[in-house]
C-alpha cells in the first residue's frame, strides 16, 4: 500500500476503511507518531464510527510497540481530547475520527503536547520517520490505562466563562443534533447544566450516522422539523467529532455555519475586552464587518485549525475560527469547539433578549457559494494558474491556494487539506453577483 493512496494533511491522515486505511498502515503510523514524539503518555479517543474499534486496537498496538503509555479516553469529542491533553500535560494524543467525511472513512488526527495539531513542518518530519521506518521499538511494552471523566475538564473550563444564572433565568428551549457522533454521550447534560431545556435528536450511539455528518443546511431537515415541533428557541447541529457547530433559528431555518461563527464573534466583542480576531482565508467578510464595527483588527490565516490557532497566539486574539462553524475561544482552548459555541450563543440569546433570527438579520447579508471539484495535484496547479490569470485585476493572495478580492466579491480556490479535491468559494454582496463569478470560474475550469 503506497502512502500516496491516503490523504495526508497538516491535521493528520484519512482514508477509506478496507481500501487505503488498513490495520497495517495504522500500526505503522502509530509507531511513527510514538517514535517522533519520544513515547510517553498518549491519549487515544474516537468518534462512533463502526470502524473505531479496529482502528483503535491497531493504534494501541503501534503505540505500545514503540514504548508509549496509551491512555484510553473512549468516545470523546476532539476539542475535549485537545483540552484533556493540555490540562493533563500529556505527551500527545490521537483522535480516531474522519470528522464530516462519510461513514466509510476514518482517520487519525495527531495532537502534540499542549493540545494542538501538528504544525506543517512537524507533519513533514513525522512522514520522514514513517518513510524511514526506523521506529524505537521496545521489548517490554507498557499497559493501556483507562481515563476517568475526561469530558468534565472541557465542561468546567466553559462553565467558568459563562453566566449560567442568566441563561437559567431565561430557560431557553434547545433542540440538539449531534449526529450520533462523539458529542452524543455528553451534549444533553452539558446543555442542561447551562440552564437549557433540551430535546435531543440523533443522540443514540448507533452503528452508523443517521444523517450526513457535515452540519450544513441540506443535512439538517430532522433538526429543523424538531425545532418547529417543540417550539424551541434554537437548534444546534454538530459534526461527528464535535468541532463544528451549525445553528437553526426559532422558525426552523438554518442560519448557515458562517453566521454561527459571526454571531459568536459579535457577542464576544460586545461583552468582553476588545481583542483582535483571527479567521481563515475562506471565511465570510461578515467577520471583517463585525471587527470594523468593534474597532479591532482582523487577521486571516491559511485554512486549517492549527494555522488559525497559531496566529491567534501570535496576535493575542481571544476569539477566532473558521467559517465552517469552527468557533475558537482562547480562554477555553485555541481549537474549534462546538460546545463553546453553543454556550456563547445561549448566553447571547439570554443577554440580548432577542430571537436568534433577529440577531442574524442584524448582521450584513452576503451570499456565498461553496463547491468542490475532483482534481489531482497537477490539475489543481493548472486550475490555480488559469484563475490567477483570469482574475488578475483583483487584490491577489497566494498564501493558501488563490484568494482574489474585488470591491463587490471575493473568491478563494485551493487544494483541500482533507480530500483529493479543489475547493471553490465565492462570496458576493448579492446572489446574482456570486453566481455570475462562480459560473466564470467553472467555465475556466
Protein backbone atom coordinates (compact mmCIF):
# COMPACT_ATOMS: atom_id res chain seq x y z
CA UNK A 1 0.00 0.00 0.00
CA UNK A 2 1.56 3.31 -1.03
CA UNK A 3 1.26 6.27 1.31
CA UNK A 4 0.08 8.35 -1.67
CA UNK A 5 -3.17 6.37 -1.64
CA UNK A 6 -4.10 8.26 1.54
CA UNK A 7 -4.98 11.89 2.06
CA UNK A 8 -2.29 13.41 4.26
CA UNK A 9 -2.75 16.91 5.67
CA UNK A 10 -1.48 19.19 8.40
CA UNK A 11 -4.10 17.74 10.77
CA UNK A 12 -3.49 14.02 10.17
CA UNK A 13 -4.24 11.19 7.75
CA UNK A 14 -7.50 9.81 6.46
CA UNK A 15 -8.78 7.20 4.05
CA UNK A 16 -11.47 4.63 3.35
CA UNK A 17 -11.54 1.60 5.64
CA UNK A 18 -10.54 -1.58 3.83
CA UNK A 19 -9.01 0.33 0.94
CA UNK A 20 -6.39 2.96 1.75
CA UNK A 21 -6.70 2.88 5.55
CA UNK A 22 -5.62 -0.63 6.60
CA UNK A 23 -4.60 -2.07 10.00
CA UNK A 24 -1.01 -2.45 8.82
CA UNK A 25 -0.77 1.20 7.86
CA UNK A 26 -2.44 2.31 11.09
CA UNK A 27 0.05 0.35 13.19
CA UNK A 28 2.97 1.88 11.31
CA UNK A 29 1.63 5.43 11.64
CA UNK A 30 1.11 4.94 15.36
CA UNK A 31 4.67 3.62 15.60
CA UNK A 32 5.93 6.64 13.68
CA UNK A 33 3.98 9.04 15.91
CA UNK A 34 5.24 7.46 19.13
CA UNK A 35 8.80 7.46 17.81
CA UNK A 36 8.53 11.07 16.65
CA UNK A 37 7.29 12.49 19.95
CA UNK A 38 9.51 10.22 22.04
CA UNK A 39 6.83 7.95 23.51
CA UNK A 40 5.34 8.97 26.84
CA UNK A 41 1.67 9.24 27.77
CA UNK A 42 -0.55 9.42 24.68
CA UNK A 43 -4.35 9.68 24.91
CA UNK A 44 -6.47 7.88 22.31
CA UNK A 45 -10.12 8.78 21.68
CA UNK A 46 -12.64 8.21 18.91
CA UNK A 47 -15.99 9.14 17.47
CA UNK A 48 -18.69 6.49 16.97
CA UNK A 49 -17.84 5.08 13.53
CA UNK A 50 -18.24 1.28 13.26
CA UNK A 51 -14.56 1.00 12.33
CA UNK A 52 -13.41 2.74 15.53
CA UNK A 53 -12.62 -0.47 17.45
CA UNK A 54 -10.46 -1.89 14.66
CA UNK A 55 -8.60 1.38 14.21
CA UNK A 56 -8.13 1.91 17.95
CA UNK A 57 -6.64 -1.55 18.51
CA UNK A 58 -4.23 -1.05 15.63
CA UNK A 59 -3.21 2.31 17.09
CA UNK A 60 -2.71 0.80 20.55
CA UNK A 61 -0.51 -1.93 19.07
CA UNK A 62 1.68 0.61 17.32
CA UNK A 63 1.98 2.88 20.35
CA UNK A 64 2.78 0.06 22.76
CA UNK A 65 5.38 -1.45 20.45
CA UNK A 66 7.31 1.84 20.48
CA UNK A 67 7.29 2.47 24.21
CA UNK A 68 4.29 4.76 24.63
CA UNK A 69 1.86 4.53 27.55
CA UNK A 70 -1.60 4.77 25.94
CA UNK A 71 -4.48 6.35 27.81
CA UNK A 72 -7.89 5.20 26.51
CA UNK A 73 -10.39 8.07 26.79
CA UNK A 74 -13.15 6.20 24.90
CA UNK A 75 -15.65 8.13 22.80
CA UNK A 76 -14.73 11.78 23.18
CA UNK A 77 -15.23 15.00 21.17
CA UNK A 78 -11.98 16.14 19.64
CA UNK A 79 -11.94 19.56 21.39
CA UNK A 80 -12.36 17.70 24.70
CA UNK A 81 -9.39 15.48 23.80
CA UNK A 82 -7.27 18.50 22.93
CA UNK A 83 -8.12 20.22 26.21
CA UNK A 84 -7.53 16.99 28.16
CA UNK A 85 -4.11 16.62 26.52
CA UNK A 86 -3.13 20.15 27.54
CA UNK A 87 -4.53 20.12 31.07
CA UNK A 88 -3.11 16.67 31.91
CA UNK A 89 0.26 17.65 30.39
CA UNK A 90 0.27 14.57 28.17
CA UNK A 91 2.93 13.99 25.53
CA UNK A 92 0.37 13.72 22.75
CA UNK A 93 -2.96 12.30 21.61
CA UNK A 94 -4.60 10.59 18.67
CA UNK A 95 -8.24 11.13 17.74
CA UNK A 96 -9.80 8.41 15.60
CA UNK A 97 -12.31 10.33 13.52
CA UNK A 98 -12.90 11.43 9.95
CA UNK A 99 -14.92 14.41 11.14
CA UNK A 100 -17.51 15.36 8.49
CA UNK A 101 -16.48 12.66 6.00
CA UNK A 102 -18.96 9.82 5.23
CA UNK A 103 -19.06 6.76 7.46
CA UNK A 104 -16.84 4.58 5.26
CA UNK A 105 -13.96 6.95 6.02
CA UNK A 106 -11.84 7.07 9.14
CA UNK A 107 -8.72 8.95 10.11
CA UNK A 108 -6.02 9.63 12.65
CA UNK A 109 -5.82 13.21 13.83
CA UNK A 110 -2.49 13.68 15.57
CA UNK A 111 -2.22 16.02 18.53
CA UNK A 112 1.02 17.16 20.11
CA UNK A 113 1.86 18.29 23.65
CA UNK A 114 -0.20 21.35 24.51
CA UNK A 115 -3.33 20.05 22.76
CA UNK A 116 -2.80 21.27 19.19
CA UNK A 117 -2.49 19.53 15.86
CA UNK A 118 0.99 19.13 14.42
CA UNK A 119 2.45 22.17 12.71
CA UNK A 120 3.01 21.69 8.96
CA UNK A 121 6.76 21.21 9.41
CA UNK A 122 6.12 18.69 12.20
CA UNK A 123 3.78 16.70 9.96
CA UNK A 124 6.54 16.59 7.33
CA UNK A 125 9.05 15.39 9.93
CA UNK A 126 6.62 12.69 11.05
CA UNK A 127 6.27 11.49 7.47
CA UNK A 128 10.06 11.27 7.24
CA UNK A 129 10.01 8.98 10.29
CA UNK A 130 7.30 6.87 8.65
CA UNK A 131 9.17 6.55 5.36
CA UNK A 132 12.45 5.67 7.03
CA UNK A 133 10.73 3.04 9.18
CA UNK A 134 13.31 3.31 11.93
CA UNK A 135 10.96 3.04 14.88
CA UNK A 136 12.07 2.97 18.51
CA UNK A 137 10.52 -0.35 19.46
CA UNK A 138 10.70 -1.85 22.96
CA UNK A 139 10.84 -5.42 24.25
CA UNK A 140 8.61 -4.79 27.30
CA UNK A 141 5.53 -2.77 26.25
CA UNK A 142 3.58 -0.82 28.85
CA UNK A 143 -0.14 -1.35 29.51
CA UNK A 144 -3.23 0.62 28.45
CA UNK A 145 -4.71 2.90 31.11
CA UNK A 146 -8.39 3.89 31.19
CA UNK A 147 -9.21 7.58 31.72
CA UNK A 148 -11.97 8.74 34.06
CA UNK A 149 -14.35 11.57 33.16
CA UNK A 150 -12.21 13.29 30.51
CA UNK A 151 -15.10 15.46 29.25
CA UNK A 152 -15.55 17.16 32.63
CA UNK A 153 -12.34 19.16 32.23
CA UNK A 154 -13.67 20.65 29.00
CA UNK A 155 -17.07 21.45 30.51
CA UNK A 156 -15.58 23.05 33.61
CA UNK A 157 -13.47 25.44 31.52
CA UNK A 158 -16.53 26.61 29.60
CA UNK A 159 -18.70 26.95 32.70
CA UNK A 160 -16.06 29.21 34.23
CA UNK A 161 -16.62 31.75 31.43
CA UNK A 162 -20.41 31.61 31.04
CA UNK A 163 -23.13 33.32 33.11
CA UNK A 164 -25.25 30.22 33.65
CA UNK A 165 -27.56 32.06 36.08
CA UNK A 166 -28.57 34.44 33.29
CA UNK A 167 -29.27 31.52 30.95
CA UNK A 168 -31.23 29.62 33.61
CA UNK A 169 -33.49 32.62 34.19
CA UNK A 170 -34.46 32.53 30.50
CA UNK A 171 -34.81 28.70 30.36
CA UNK A 172 -34.16 28.51 26.61
CA UNK A 173 -35.67 25.56 24.76
CA UNK A 174 -32.97 23.87 22.72
CA UNK A 175 -33.01 21.03 20.20
CA UNK A 176 -29.60 19.50 19.54
CA UNK A 177 -28.48 17.03 16.85
CA UNK A 178 -25.02 15.51 17.45
CA UNK A 179 -25.48 13.06 14.54
CA UNK A 180 -24.93 10.07 16.82
CA UNK A 181 -21.29 11.16 16.99
CA UNK A 182 -18.71 11.84 19.67
CA UNK A 183 -20.82 14.52 21.37
CA UNK A 184 -23.81 12.21 21.87
CA UNK A 185 -22.94 10.92 25.38
CA UNK A 186 -22.31 14.45 26.69
CA UNK A 187 -24.27 17.16 24.91
CA UNK A 188 -27.67 16.79 26.62
CA UNK A 189 -26.18 17.02 30.11
CA UNK A 190 -23.92 19.89 29.07
CA UNK A 191 -26.82 22.00 27.77
CA UNK A 192 -28.94 21.18 30.81
CA UNK A 193 -26.11 22.31 33.09
CA UNK A 194 -26.06 25.59 31.18
CA UNK A 195 -29.74 26.02 32.08
CA UNK A 196 -31.49 24.92 28.90
CA UNK A 197 -34.49 22.67 28.39
CA UNK A 198 -33.15 20.10 25.94
CA UNK A 199 -34.61 17.87 23.25
CA UNK A 200 -32.08 15.63 21.54
CA UNK A 201 -32.43 14.13 18.06
CA UNK A 202 -29.96 11.63 16.63
CA UNK A 203 -28.39 11.20 20.07
CA UNK A 204 -28.17 7.40 20.10
CA UNK A 205 -24.87 5.61 19.70
CA UNK A 206 -25.81 3.64 16.61
CA UNK A 207 -23.82 1.60 14.12
CA UNK A 208 -23.67 4.48 11.72
CA UNK A 209 -24.73 8.10 11.33
CA UNK A 210 -28.45 8.91 10.96
CA UNK A 211 -27.57 11.78 8.62
CA UNK A 212 -24.60 13.00 6.65
CA UNK A 213 -22.28 14.22 9.44
CA UNK A 214 -21.43 17.54 7.81
CA UNK A 215 -23.65 20.12 9.59
CA UNK A 216 -24.71 22.09 6.52
CA UNK A 217 -28.33 23.12 5.79
CA UNK A 218 -29.10 20.28 3.37
CA UNK A 219 -28.41 17.72 6.15
CA UNK A 220 -30.44 19.36 8.92
CA UNK A 221 -34.02 18.52 7.92
CA UNK A 222 -34.80 16.48 11.06
CA UNK A 223 -33.38 19.20 13.30
CA UNK A 224 -35.39 21.93 11.57
CA UNK A 225 -38.62 19.95 11.96
CA UNK A 226 -37.87 19.23 15.62
CA UNK A 227 -37.26 22.91 16.35
CA UNK A 228 -40.68 23.79 14.93
CA UNK A 229 -42.41 20.85 16.62
CA UNK A 230 -41.04 21.68 20.08
CA UNK A 231 -41.26 25.45 19.59
CA UNK A 232 -37.61 25.72 20.50
CA UNK A 233 -35.63 28.93 20.74
CA UNK A 234 -32.70 27.48 18.83
CA UNK A 235 -31.42 24.28 17.25
CA UNK A 236 -27.80 23.16 17.27
CA UNK A 237 -26.09 20.63 14.98
CA UNK A 238 -22.63 19.13 15.43
CA UNK A 239 -20.45 17.01 13.20
CA UNK A 240 -19.13 13.57 14.13
CA UNK A 241 -16.14 14.78 16.16
CA UNK A 242 -17.96 17.85 17.55
CA UNK A 243 -15.57 20.59 16.49
CA UNK A 244 -18.06 22.27 14.15
CA UNK A 245 -21.38 23.91 15.03
CA UNK A 246 -24.38 24.95 12.96
CA UNK A 247 -27.45 26.78 14.28
CA UNK A 248 -31.12 26.74 13.30
CA UNK A 249 -33.34 29.68 14.25
CA UNK A 250 -36.65 29.52 16.14
CA UNK A 251 -38.54 29.18 12.83
CA UNK A 252 -36.63 26.03 11.90
CA UNK A 253 -34.45 27.83 9.35
CA UNK A 254 -30.68 27.15 9.25
CA UNK A 255 -28.74 30.39 9.58
CA UNK A 256 -25.64 28.91 7.90
CA UNK A 257 -22.37 27.93 9.55
CA UNK A 258 -20.73 31.23 8.54
CA UNK A 259 -23.33 33.11 10.58
CA UNK A 260 -22.91 30.73 13.53
CA UNK A 261 -19.30 31.90 13.82
CA UNK A 262 -20.32 35.51 13.13
CA UNK A 263 -22.83 35.57 15.99
CA UNK A 264 -20.30 34.12 18.41
CA UNK A 265 -17.65 36.68 17.41
CA UNK A 266 -20.16 39.55 17.50
CA UNK A 267 -21.30 38.65 21.00
CA UNK A 268 -17.77 38.07 22.29
CA UNK A 269 -16.65 41.52 21.14
CA UNK A 270 -19.72 43.17 22.67
CA UNK A 271 -19.39 41.51 26.07
CA UNK A 272 -15.64 41.09 26.51
CA UNK A 273 -12.47 43.11 26.40
CA UNK A 274 -11.63 44.18 22.87
CA UNK A 275 -9.47 41.63 21.12
CA UNK A 276 -8.06 41.05 17.65
CA UNK A 277 -9.93 38.42 15.64
CA UNK A 278 -8.32 35.65 13.56
CA UNK A 279 -10.14 33.75 10.81
CA UNK A 280 -9.01 31.79 7.78
CA UNK A 281 -8.91 32.93 4.17
CA UNK A 282 -12.16 31.10 3.32
CA UNK A 283 -14.28 32.76 6.00
CA UNK A 284 -17.02 35.26 5.19
CA UNK A 285 -16.47 39.00 5.03
CA UNK A 286 -19.15 39.32 7.73
CA UNK A 287 -16.40 38.91 10.32
CA UNK A 288 -14.48 41.84 8.81
CA UNK A 289 -17.60 44.00 9.16
CA UNK A 290 -18.04 42.91 12.78
CA UNK A 291 -14.39 43.60 13.60
CA UNK A 292 -14.56 47.03 11.95
CA UNK A 293 -17.69 47.91 13.95
CA UNK A 294 -15.96 46.84 17.17
CA UNK A 295 -12.79 48.74 16.27
CA UNK A 296 -10.49 45.71 16.42
CA UNK A 297 -8.00 44.24 13.96
CA UNK A 298 -8.83 41.22 11.82
CA UNK A 299 -6.16 38.78 10.66
CA UNK A 300 -6.51 35.95 8.14
CA UNK A 301 -4.53 32.71 8.19
CA UNK A 302 -4.32 29.77 5.78
CA UNK A 303 -7.15 27.24 6.15
CA UNK A 304 -6.62 24.70 8.91
CA UNK A 305 -7.25 24.87 12.64
CA UNK A 306 -3.56 24.84 13.56
CA UNK A 307 -2.94 27.84 11.31
CA UNK A 308 -5.73 29.84 12.95
CA UNK A 309 -4.60 28.72 16.43
CA UNK A 310 -1.01 29.71 15.77
CA UNK A 311 -1.99 33.16 14.54
CA UNK A 312 -4.39 33.66 17.47
CA UNK A 313 -1.47 33.07 19.82
CA UNK A 314 0.84 35.36 17.82
CA UNK A 315 -1.71 38.20 17.75
CA UNK A 316 -3.02 37.58 21.29
CA UNK A 317 -6.52 37.10 19.86
CA UNK A 318 -9.15 35.79 22.28
CA UNK A 319 -11.70 34.84 19.61
CA UNK A 320 -11.45 33.43 16.12
CA UNK A 321 -12.33 30.45 14.00
CA UNK A 322 -13.20 29.08 10.60
CA UNK A 323 -16.35 29.76 8.62
CA UNK A 324 -17.40 26.10 8.61
CA UNK A 325 -18.79 26.60 12.12
CA UNK A 326 -15.44 26.21 13.86
CA UNK A 327 -15.61 28.62 16.80
CA UNK A 328 -12.34 29.10 18.74
CA UNK A 329 -12.29 30.72 22.20
CA UNK A 330 -8.75 31.13 23.53
CA UNK A 331 -9.75 31.13 27.21
CA UNK A 332 -11.14 27.61 26.71
CA UNK A 333 -8.56 26.45 24.16
CA UNK A 334 -7.46 27.60 20.71
CA UNK A 335 -9.28 24.78 18.94
CA UNK A 336 -12.57 24.54 17.06
CA UNK A 337 -15.16 23.80 19.72
CA UNK A 338 -18.90 23.35 19.18
CA UNK A 339 -19.53 23.27 22.94
CA UNK A 340 -18.03 26.73 23.48
CA UNK A 341 -20.08 27.92 20.51
CA UNK A 342 -23.35 26.65 21.98
CA UNK A 343 -22.58 28.21 25.35
CA UNK A 344 -21.81 31.65 23.91
CA UNK A 345 -24.87 31.65 21.64
CA UNK A 346 -27.17 30.71 24.52
CA UNK A 347 -25.66 33.48 26.64
CA UNK A 348 -26.12 35.90 23.73
CA UNK A 349 -29.83 35.00 23.50
CA UNK A 350 -30.28 35.48 27.24
CA UNK A 351 -28.32 38.73 27.40
CA UNK A 352 -29.94 40.35 24.35
CA UNK A 353 -33.49 39.12 24.93
CA UNK A 354 -33.76 38.75 21.16
CA UNK A 355 -34.65 35.83 18.91
CA UNK A 356 -31.79 34.25 17.03
CA UNK A 357 -33.44 35.16 13.72
CA UNK A 358 -33.32 38.83 14.70
CA UNK A 359 -29.66 38.59 15.76
CA UNK A 360 -28.88 37.02 12.41
CA UNK A 361 -30.84 39.68 10.50
CA UNK A 362 -28.93 42.45 12.27
CA UNK A 363 -25.76 41.24 10.58
CA UNK A 364 -24.83 42.21 6.99
CA UNK A 365 -26.10 39.99 4.18
CA UNK A 366 -23.68 38.21 1.90
CA UNK A 367 -24.24 35.32 -0.45
CA UNK A 368 -21.66 32.54 -0.54
CA UNK A 369 -21.27 29.59 -2.90
CA UNK A 370 -19.16 26.63 -1.79
CA UNK A 371 -18.24 23.95 -4.29
CA UNK A 372 -15.56 21.35 -4.91
CA UNK A 373 -14.22 19.52 -7.95
CA UNK A 374 -12.08 16.40 -8.05
CA UNK A 375 -8.54 17.20 -9.09
CA UNK A 376 -5.06 15.73 -8.94
CA UNK A 377 -2.14 17.81 -7.69
CA UNK A 378 -1.14 18.67 -11.26
CA UNK A 379 -4.71 19.58 -12.21
CA UNK A 380 -5.03 21.76 -9.12
CA UNK A 381 -1.93 23.74 -10.05
CA UNK A 382 -3.26 24.25 -13.56
CA UNK A 383 -6.61 25.47 -12.19
CA UNK A 384 -4.93 27.99 -9.89
CA UNK A 385 -2.72 29.33 -12.67
CA UNK A 386 -5.65 29.72 -15.06
CA UNK A 387 -7.85 31.50 -12.49
CA UNK A 388 -4.97 33.72 -11.41
CA UNK A 389 -4.71 35.00 -14.98
CA UNK A 390 -8.49 35.37 -15.35
CA UNK A 391 -8.90 37.46 -12.17
CA UNK A 392 -5.58 39.30 -12.29
CA UNK A 393 -7.13 42.73 -11.67
CA UNK A 394 -8.14 41.98 -8.08
CA UNK A 395 -6.14 42.03 -4.86
CA UNK A 396 -4.44 38.63 -5.03
CA UNK A 397 -3.08 36.47 -2.19
CA UNK A 398 -1.35 33.11 -2.70
CA UNK A 399 -0.77 32.21 0.94
CA UNK A 400 -3.16 29.27 0.61
CA UNK A 401 -4.18 28.50 -2.94
CA UNK A 402 -5.56 31.61 -4.65
CA UNK A 403 -7.67 34.30 -2.99
CA UNK A 404 -8.70 37.34 -5.01
CA UNK A 405 -10.62 40.32 -3.56
CA UNK A 406 -12.68 42.80 -5.56
CA UNK A 407 -14.91 45.57 -4.12
CA UNK A 408 -18.14 43.57 -4.55
CA UNK A 409 -16.93 39.97 -4.25
CA UNK A 410 -14.05 37.68 -3.38
CA UNK A 411 -13.09 34.18 -4.42
CA UNK A 412 -10.88 31.54 -2.84
CA UNK A 413 -9.75 28.43 -4.70
CA UNK A 414 -7.42 25.95 -3.02
CA UNK A 415 -6.50 22.27 -2.88
CA UNK A 416 -8.27 20.62 0.06
CA UNK A 417 -6.38 19.52 3.17
CA UNK A 418 -8.73 16.55 3.68
CA UNK A 419 -9.89 15.31 0.26
CA UNK A 420 -8.41 14.94 -3.28
CA UNK A 421 -10.39 17.94 -4.49
CA UNK A 422 -10.09 21.64 -5.21
CA UNK A 423 -12.40 23.75 -3.03
CA UNK A 424 -14.05 26.80 -4.55
CA UNK A 425 -15.68 29.60 -2.59
CA UNK A 426 -17.21 32.77 -3.91
CA UNK A 427 -18.92 35.44 -1.81
CA UNK A 428 -20.70 38.49 -3.15
CA UNK A 429 -22.90 41.30 -1.93
CA UNK A 430 -25.73 39.78 -3.99
CA UNK A 431 -26.76 36.32 -5.10
CA UNK A 432 -26.56 37.35 -8.75
CA UNK A 433 -23.01 38.60 -8.31
CA UNK A 434 -21.82 35.42 -6.58
CA UNK A 435 -23.49 33.17 -9.17
CA UNK A 436 -22.04 35.12 -12.08
CA UNK A 437 -18.48 34.89 -10.73
CA UNK A 438 -18.92 31.22 -9.87
CA UNK A 439 -20.08 30.48 -13.42
CA UNK A 440 -16.99 32.24 -14.78
CA UNK A 441 -14.77 30.11 -12.55
CA UNK A 442 -16.44 26.87 -13.61
CA UNK A 443 -16.18 27.87 -17.26
CA UNK A 444 -12.44 28.36 -16.88
CA UNK A 445 -12.05 25.02 -15.10
